[in-house]
Structure formats: C-alpha cells, structure tokens
Amino acid sequence: TLGAALLGYVAGDMIASDAALAAWGAA
C-alpha cells in the first residue's frame, strides 16, 4: 500500500511538472 501511494505521489508530481502546465505551476 505504501509503495502504491509512493507511485501515486510520483505520478501527481509528474503531472504537475508537465511543461504544458507550467503556467498553473507558477500560479
């Protein structure tokens, strides 16, 4: 379960750091 949660954390961080969403990250 902890391993799956870690994958979810990395996935969320990946999505938020996508170059196409850079404006949202700055805001």
PDB file of all heavy atoms in Angstrom:
ATOM      1  N   THR A   1       0.832  -1.208   0.000  1.00  0.00           N
ATOM      2  CA  THR A   1       0.000   0.000   0.000  1.00  0.00           C
ATOM      3  C   THR A   1       0.864   1.254   0.000  1.00  0.00           C
ATOM      4  O   THR A   1       0.598   2.213  -0.739  1.00  0.00           O
ATOM      5  CB  THR A   1      -0.929   0.011   1.226  1.00  0.00           C
ATOM      6  OG1 THR A   1      -1.724  -1.186   1.226  1.00  0.00           O
ATOM      7  CG2 THR A   1      -1.849   1.227   1.210  1.00  0.00           C
ATOM      8  N   LEU A   2       1.912   1.255   0.824  1.00  0.00           N
ATOM      9  CA  LEU A   2       2.818   2.403   0.868  1.00  0.00           C
ATOM     10  C   LEU A   2       3.535   2.576  -0.470  1.00  0.00           C
ATOM     11  O   LEU A   2       3.740   3.700  -0.944  1.00  0.00           O
ATOM     12  CB  LEU A   2       3.841   2.226   1.994  1.00  0.00           C
ATOM     13  CG  LEU A   2       3.285   2.293   3.420  1.00  0.00           C
ATOM     14  CD1 LEU A   2       4.371   1.963   4.430  1.00  0.00           C
ATOM     15  CD2 LEU A   2       2.704   3.682   3.698  1.00  0.00           C
ATOM     16  N   GLY A   3       3.904   1.456  -1.094  1.00  0.00           N
ATOM     17  CA  GLY A   3       4.544   1.523  -2.401  1.00  0.00           C
ATOM     18  C   GLY A   3       3.615   2.094  -3.452  1.00  0.00           C
ATOM     19  O   GLY A   3       4.023   2.913  -4.288  1.00  0.00           O
ATOM     20  N   ALA A   4       2.359   1.672  -3.421  1.00  0.00           N
ATOM     21  CA  ALA A   4       1.368   2.204  -4.367  1.00  0.00           C
ATOM     22  C   ALA A   4       1.150   3.691  -4.132  1.00  0.00           C
ATOM     23  O   ALA A   4       1.018   4.472  -5.081  1.00  0.00           O
ATOM     24  CB  ALA A   4       0.051   1.437  -4.225  1.00  0.00           C
ATOM     25  N   ALA A   5       1.112   4.096  -2.856  1.00  0.00           N
ATOM     26  CA  ALA A   5       0.957   5.524  -2.539  1.00  0.00           C
ATOM     27  C   ALA A   5       2.152   6.324  -3.059  1.00  0.00           C
ATOM     28  O   ALA A   5       1.989   7.449  -3.565  1.00  0.00           O
ATOM     29  CB  ALA A   5       0.815   5.709  -1.030  1.00  0.00           C
ATOM     30  N   LEU A   6       3.353   5.748  -2.966  1.00  0.00           N
ATOM     31  CA  LEU A   6       4.543   6.423  -3.499  1.00  0.00           C
ATOM     32  C   LEU A   6       4.423   6.609  -5.012  1.00  0.00           C
ATOM     33  O   LEU A   6       4.746   7.672  -5.547  1.00  0.00           O
ATOM     34  CB  LEU A   6       5.794   5.609  -3.165  1.00  0.00           C
ATOM     35  CG  LEU A   6       7.104   6.105  -3.802  1.00  0.00           C
ATOM     36  CD1 LEU A   6       7.421   7.528  -3.347  1.00  0.00           C
ATOM     37  CD2 LEU A   6       8.254   5.170  -3.468  1.00  0.00           C
ATOM     38  N   LEU A   7       3.928   5.582  -5.710  1.00  0.00           N
ATOM     39  CA  LEU A   7       3.716   5.706  -7.157  1.00  0.00           C
ATOM     40  C   LEU A   7       2.720   6.825  -7.453  1.00  0.00           C
ATOM     41  O   LEU A   7       2.898   7.596  -8.396  1.00  0.00           O
ATOM     42  CB  LEU A   7       3.203   4.384  -7.729  1.00  0.00           C
ATOM     43  CG  LEU A   7       4.199   3.228  -7.774  1.00  0.00           C
ATOM     44  CD1 LEU A   7       3.512   1.971  -8.284  1.00  0.00           C
ATOM     45  CD2 LEU A   7       5.392   3.568  -8.640  1.00  0.00           C
ATOM     46  N   GLY A   8       1.656   6.902  -6.642  1.00  0.00           N
ATOM     47  CA  GLY A   8       0.673   7.961  -6.814  1.00  0.00           C
ATOM     48  C   GLY A   8       1.284   9.332  -6.599  1.00  0.00           C
ATOM     49  O   GLY A   8       0.983  10.285  -7.328  1.00  0.00           O
ATOM     50  N   TYR A   9       2.158   9.443  -5.597  1.00  0.00           N
ATOM     51  CA  TYR A   9       2.823  10.727  -5.321  1.00  0.00           C
ATOM     52  C   TYR A   9       3.710  11.139  -6.498  1.00  0.00           C
ATOM     53  O   TYR A   9       3.668  12.292  -6.952  1.00  0.00           O
ATOM     54  CB  TYR A   9       3.655  10.619  -4.046  1.00  0.00           C
ATOM     55  CG  TYR A   9       4.316  11.926  -3.656  1.00  0.00           C
ATOM     56  CD1 TYR A   9       3.675  12.826  -2.814  1.00  0.00           C
ATOM     57  CD2 TYR A   9       5.568  12.271  -4.157  1.00  0.00           C
ATOM     58  CE1 TYR A   9       4.261  14.038  -2.472  1.00  0.00           C
ATOM     59  CE2 TYR A   9       6.161  13.478  -3.823  1.00  0.00           C
ATOM     60  CZ  TYR A   9       5.509  14.355  -2.979  1.00  0.00           C
ATOM     61  OH  TYR A   9       6.095  15.555  -2.652  1.00  0.00           O
ATOM     62  N   VAL A  10       4.515  10.192  -6.996  1.00  0.00           N
ATOM     63  CA  VAL A  10       5.389  10.483  -8.133  1.00  0.00           C
ATOM     64  C   VAL A  10       4.555  10.847  -9.357  1.00  0.00           C
ATOM     65  O   VAL A  10       4.895  11.760 -10.121  1.00  0.00           O
ATOM     66  CB  VAL A  10       6.307   9.277  -8.433  1.00  0.00           C
ATOM     67  CG1 VAL A  10       7.083   9.482  -9.732  1.00  0.00           C
ATOM     68  CG2 VAL A  10       7.278   9.054  -7.276  1.00  0.00           C
ATOM     69  N   ALA A  11       3.424  10.144  -9.548  1.00  0.00           N
ATOM     70  CA  ALA A  11       2.543  10.418 -10.694  1.00  0.00           C
ATOM     71  C   ALA A  11       1.979  11.832 -10.616  1.00  0.00           C
ATOM     72  O   ALA A  11       1.974  12.572 -11.602  1.00  0.00           O
ATOM     73  CB  ALA A  11       1.408   9.398 -10.741  1.00  0.00           C
ATOM     74  N   GLY A  12       1.488  12.219  -9.443  1.00  0.00           N
ATOM     75  CA  GLY A  12       0.941  13.564  -9.275  1.00  0.00           C
ATOM     76  C   GLY A  12       1.994  14.631  -9.504  1.00  0.00           C
ATOM     77  O   GLY A  12       1.738  15.659 -10.156  1.00  0.00           O
ATOM     78  N   ASP A  13       3.201  14.393  -8.999  1.00  0.00           N
ATOM     79  CA  ASP A  13       4.305  15.337  -9.197  1.00  0.00           C
ATOM     80  C   ASP A  13       4.674  15.429 -10.680  1.00  0.00           C
ATOM     81  O   ASP A  13       4.958  16.522 -11.185  1.00  0.00           O
ATOM     82  CB  ASP A  13       5.512  14.886  -8.377  1.00  0.00           C
ATOM     83  CG  ASP A  13       6.663  15.870  -8.463  1.00  0.00           C
ATOM     84  OD1 ASP A  13       6.490  17.017  -8.043  1.00  0.00           O
ATOM     85  OD2 ASP A  13       7.737  15.482  -8.965  1.00  0.00           O
ATOM     86  N   MET A  14       4.663  14.295 -11.384  1.00  0.00           N
ATOM     87  CA  MET A  14       4.953  14.289 -12.822  1.00  0.00           C
ATOM     88  C   MET A  14       3.931  15.127 -13.584  1.00  0.00           C
ATOM     89  O   MET A  14       4.282  15.938 -14.444  1.00  0.00           O
ATOM     90  CB  MET A  14       4.926  12.855 -13.369  1.00  0.00           C
ATOM     91  CG  MET A  14       6.186  12.062 -13.154  1.00  0.00           C
ATOM     92  SD  MET A  14       6.008  10.375 -13.794  1.00  0.00           S
ATOM     93  CE  MET A  14       5.867  10.699 -15.556  1.00  0.00           C
ATOM     94  N   ILE A  15       2.656  14.914 -13.275  1.00  0.00           N
ATOM     95  CA  ILE A  15       1.588  15.627 -13.979  1.00  0.00           C
ATOM     96  C   ILE A  15       1.718  17.132 -13.759  1.00  0.00           C
ATOM     97  O   ILE A  15       1.622  17.939 -14.691  1.00  0.00           O
ATOM     98  CB  ILE A  15       0.210  15.117 -13.513  1.00  0.00           C
ATOM     99  CG1 ILE A  15      -0.008  13.670 -13.981  1.00  0.00           C
ATOM    100  CG2 ILE A  15      -0.912  16.019 -14.027  1.00  0.00           C
ATOM    101  CD1 ILE A  15      -1.222  12.999 -13.382  1.00  0.00           C
ATOM    102  N   ALA A  16       1.962  17.517 -12.493  1.00  0.00           N
ATOM    103  CA  ALA A  16       2.047  18.944 -12.171  1.00  0.00           C
ATOM    104  C   ALA A  16       3.275  19.614 -12.787  1.00  0.00           C
ATOM    105  O   ALA A  16       3.273  20.826 -13.007  1.00  0.00           O
ATOM    106  CB  ALA A  16       2.064  19.131 -10.654  1.00  0.00           C
ATOM    107  N   SER A  17       4.325  18.820 -13.076  1.00  0.00           N
ATOM    108  CA  SER A  17       5.554  19.408 -13.623  1.00  0.00           C
ATOM    109  C   SER A  17       5.611  19.335 -15.142  1.00  0.00           C
ATOM    110  O   SER A  17       6.644  19.683 -15.730  1.00  0.00           O
ATOM    111  CB  SER A  17       6.780  18.690 -13.031  1.00  0.00           C
ATOM    112  OG  SER A  17       6.765  17.316 -13.364  1.00  0.00           O
ATOM    113  N   ASP A  18       4.511  18.906 -15.787  1.00  0.00           N
ATOM    114  CA  ASP A  18       4.483  18.867 -17.250  1.00  0.00           C
ATOM    115  C   ASP A  18       4.667  20.281 -17.803  1.00  0.00           C
ATOM    116  O   ASP A  18       4.096  21.245 -17.291  1.00  0.00           O
ATOM    117  CB  ASP A  18       3.157  18.273 -17.732  1.00  0.00           C
ATOM    118  CG  ASP A  18       3.182  17.947 -19.220  1.00  0.00           C
ATOM    119  OD1 ASP A  18       3.168  18.887 -20.038  1.00  0.00           O
ATOM    120  OD2 ASP A  18       3.223  16.755 -19.559  1.00  0.00           O
ATOM    121  N   ALA A  19       5.472  20.377 -18.879  1.00  0.00           N
ATOM    122  CA  ALA A  19       5.760  21.692 -19.472  1.00  0.00           C
ATOM    123  C   ALA A  19       4.496  22.397 -19.940  1.00  0.00           C
ATOM    124  O   ALA A  19       4.420  23.630 -19.923  1.00  0.00           O
ATOM    125  CB  ALA A  19       6.731  21.521 -20.647  1.00  0.00           C
ATOM    126  N   ALA A  20       3.480  21.623 -20.338  1.00  0.00           N
ATOM    127  CA  ALA A  20       2.242  22.221 -20.833  1.00  0.00           C
ATOM    128  C   ALA A  20       1.449  22.883 -19.703  1.00  0.00           C
ATOM    129  O   ALA A  20       0.566  23.705 -19.956  1.00  0.00           O
ATOM    130  CB  ALA A  20       1.380  21.166 -21.523  1.00  0.00           C
ATOM    131  N   LEU A  21       1.765  22.516 -18.444  1.00  0.00           N
ATOM    132  CA  LEU A  21       1.029  23.061 -17.296  1.00  0.00           C
ATOM    133  C   LEU A  21       1.889  24.047 -16.497  1.00  0.00           C
ATOM    134  O   LEU A  21       1.597  24.309 -15.329  1.00  0.00           O
ATOM    135  CB  LEU A  21       0.557  21.919 -16.383  1.00  0.00           C
ATOM    136  CG  LEU A  21      -0.290  20.823 -17.056  1.00  0.00           C
ATOM    137  CD1 LEU A  21      -0.637  19.732 -16.045  1.00  0.00           C
ATOM    138  CD2 LEU A  21      -1.564  21.419 -17.647  1.00  0.00           C
ATOM    139  N   ALA A  22       2.951  24.545 -17.118  1.00  0.00           N
ATOM    140  CA  ALA A  22       3.883  25.424 -16.405  1.00  0.00           C
ATOM    141  C   ALA A  22       3.198  26.671 -15.850  1.00  0.00           C
ATOM    142  O   ALA A  22       3.531  27.148 -14.761  1.00  0.00           O
ATOM    143  CB  ALA A  22       5.027  25.826 -17.336  1.00  0.00           C
ATOM    144  N   ALA A  23       2.221  27.197 -16.581  1.00  0.00           N
ATOM    145  CA  ALA A  23       1.521  28.407 -16.121  1.00  0.00           C
ATOM    146  C   ALA A  23       0.773  28.139 -14.822  1.00  0.00           C
ATOM    147  O   ALA A  23       0.740  28.978 -13.924  1.00  0.00           O
ATOM    148  CB  ALA A  23       0.551  28.890 -17.200  1.00  0.00           C
ATOM    149  N   TRP A  24       0.150  26.957 -14.714  1.00  0.00           N
ATOM    150  CA  TRP A  24      -0.552  26.601 -13.483  1.00  0.00           C
ATOM    151  C   TRP A  24       0.428  26.468 -12.325  1.00  0.00           C
ATOM    152  O   TRP A  24       0.140  26.881 -11.202  1.00  0.00           O
ATOM    153  CB  TRP A  24      -1.307  25.284 -13.672  1.00  0.00           C
ATOM    154  CG  TRP A  24      -2.541  25.411 -14.509  1.00  0.00           C
ATOM    155  CD1 TRP A  24      -2.798  26.358 -15.463  1.00  0.00           C
ATOM    156  CD2 TRP A  24      -3.689  24.575 -14.449  1.00  0.00           C
ATOM    157  NE1 TRP A  24      -4.016  26.155 -16.019  1.00  0.00           N
ATOM    158  CE2 TRP A  24      -4.594  25.062 -15.422  1.00  0.00           C
ATOM    159  CE3 TRP A  24      -4.034  23.459 -13.707  1.00  0.00           C
ATOM    160  CZ2 TRP A  24      -5.829  24.475 -15.646  1.00  0.00           C
ATOM    161  CZ3 TRP A  24      -5.262  22.858 -13.927  1.00  0.00           C
ATOM    162  CH2 TRP A  24      -6.157  23.368 -14.886  1.00  0.00           C
ATOM    163  N   GLY A  25       1.588  25.859 -12.611  1.00  0.00           N
ATOM    164  CA  GLY A  25       2.590  25.680 -11.558  1.00  0.00           C
ATOM    165  C   GLY A  25       3.065  27.010 -11.010  1.00  0.00           C
ATOM    166  O   GLY A  25       3.320  27.145  -9.811  1.00  0.00           O
ATOM    167  N   ALA A  26       3.181  28.008 -11.896  1.00  0.00           N
ATOM    168  CA  ALA A  26       3.616  29.334 -11.447  1.00  0.00           C
ATOM    169  C   ALA A  26       2.524  30.051 -10.665  1.00  0.00           C
ATOM    170  O   ALA A  26       2.800  30.845  -9.767  1.00  0.00           O
ATOM    171  CB  ALA A  26       4.033  30.171 -12.663  1.00  0.00           C
ATOM    172  N   ALA A  27       1.264  29.746 -10.991  1.00  0.00           N
ATOM    173  CA  ALA A  27       0.140  30.447 -10.352  1.00  0.00           C
ATOM    174  C   ALA A  27      -0.240  29.843  -9.004  1.00  0.00           C
ATOM    175  O   ALA A  27      -0.793  30.531  -8.149  1.00  0.00           O
ATOM    176  CB  ALA A  27      -1.074  30.429 -11.284  1.00  0.00           C
TER     177      ALA A  27
END
